[in-house]
Amino acid sequence: RILHGDKGYDSDAIRRQVEGIGAMPNIPPRSNRRWKNCFSPALYRDRNAIERMFCRLKDFRRIATRYDRLATNFLAAVSIAAAVSYWL
């Protein structure tokens, strides 16, 4: 299992926490870091698809502002928005 994150999440504490749950962090190192951690740009490209999916879902105002108070209603709205945005 691999966790993709952007440069804002590049800290030793987050890396240790991710490794503690058994995943490998794939986070690009910040430019001011002295010791650069291992990072795979090829695997990091997969993160773009996830970002585009969330941007598409946030186009629906009901999802972006979380109108629904109950988790089941919110999940239903996300499911409908995902079906509509990927079906069309």
Protein backbone atom coordinates (compact mmCIF):
# COMPACT_ATOMS: atom_id res chain seq x y z
CA ARG A 1 0.00 0.00 0.00
CA ILE A 2 1.25 3.43 -0.96
CA LEU A 3 0.11 6.80 0.38
CA HIS A 4 0.45 9.70 -2.06
CA GLY A 5 0.70 13.21 -0.62
CA ASP A 6 1.85 16.62 -1.75
CA LYS A 7 4.78 18.64 -0.45
CA GLY A 8 2.71 20.14 2.34
CA TYR A 9 2.67 16.76 4.08
CA ASP A 10 6.42 16.25 3.95
CA SER A 11 7.38 15.92 7.61
CA ASP A 12 9.15 13.21 9.54
CA ALA A 13 6.19 12.80 11.92
CA ILE A 14 3.74 12.10 9.09
CA ARG A 15 6.16 9.73 7.41
CA ARG A 16 6.62 7.76 10.64
CA GLN A 17 2.86 7.60 11.19
CA VAL A 18 2.26 6.29 7.65
CA GLU A 19 5.02 3.71 8.01
CA GLY A 20 3.56 2.71 11.39
CA ILE A 21 0.32 1.58 9.75
CA GLY A 22 2.24 -0.47 7.20
CA ALA A 23 2.07 1.83 4.17
CA MET A 24 4.84 3.44 2.16
CA PRO A 25 4.71 7.26 1.89
CA ASN A 26 5.27 8.63 -1.60
CA ILE A 27 5.60 12.35 -0.84
CA PRO A 28 7.88 14.66 -2.84
CA PRO A 29 10.52 16.29 -0.62
CA ARG A 30 10.35 20.01 0.05
CA SER A 31 13.12 22.07 -1.50
CA ASN A 32 14.55 23.11 1.88
CA ARG A 33 14.99 19.53 3.16
CA ARG A 34 18.59 18.51 3.79
CA TRP A 35 18.02 14.78 3.46
CA LYS A 36 15.80 13.88 0.51
CA ASN A 37 13.57 10.86 1.09
CA CYS A 38 12.96 8.32 -1.64
CA PHE A 39 10.22 9.42 -4.03
CA SER A 40 8.81 7.91 -7.21
CA PRO A 41 7.50 10.42 -9.77
CA ALA A 42 5.94 7.59 -11.81
CA LEU A 43 3.77 6.50 -8.89
CA TYR A 44 3.00 10.13 -7.98
CA ARG A 45 1.29 10.67 -11.34
CA ASP A 46 -1.58 8.44 -10.16
CA ARG A 47 -2.43 11.11 -7.59
CA ASN A 48 -3.58 13.41 -10.40
CA ALA A 49 -6.54 11.14 -11.19
CA ILE A 50 -7.66 11.29 -7.57
CA GLU A 51 -7.37 15.10 -7.51
CA ARG A 52 -9.45 15.40 -10.69
CA MET A 53 -12.14 13.13 -9.22
CA PHE A 54 -12.48 15.31 -6.11
CA CYS A 55 -12.59 18.48 -8.23
CA ARG A 56 -15.39 17.00 -10.30
CA LEU A 57 -17.37 16.10 -7.20
CA LYS A 58 -16.88 19.57 -5.72
CA ASP A 59 -18.57 21.08 -8.77
CA PHE A 60 -21.79 19.98 -7.13
CA ARG A 61 -22.62 22.64 -4.57
CA ARG A 62 -24.42 20.20 -2.30
CA ILE A 63 -21.24 18.13 -1.97
CA ALA A 64 -18.81 21.04 -1.60
CA THR A 65 -20.76 22.78 1.18
CA ARG A 66 -22.04 19.60 2.84
CA TYR A 67 -25.72 20.51 3.09
CA ASP A 68 -26.66 17.08 4.41
CA ARG A 69 -26.19 16.55 8.13
CA LEU A 70 -26.52 12.77 8.16
CA ALA A 71 -23.68 10.64 6.83
CA THR A 72 -26.06 8.35 4.92
CA ASN A 73 -27.65 11.29 3.09
CA PHE A 74 -24.24 12.76 2.27
CA LEU A 75 -23.02 9.40 0.95
CA ALA A 76 -26.13 9.14 -1.20
CA ALA A 77 -25.52 12.63 -2.62
CA VAL A 78 -21.87 11.76 -3.37
CA SER A 79 -22.95 8.54 -5.07
CA ILE A 80 -25.48 10.35 -7.24
CA ALA A 81 -22.99 13.11 -8.11
CA ALA A 82 -20.34 10.53 -9.03
CA ALA A 83 -22.80 8.61 -11.20
CA VAL A 84 -23.93 11.77 -12.99
CA SER A 85 -20.44 13.23 -13.50
CA TYR A 86 -18.88 10.01 -14.78
CA TRP A 87 -21.87 8.86 -16.78
CA LEU A 88 -22.08 12.05 -18.84
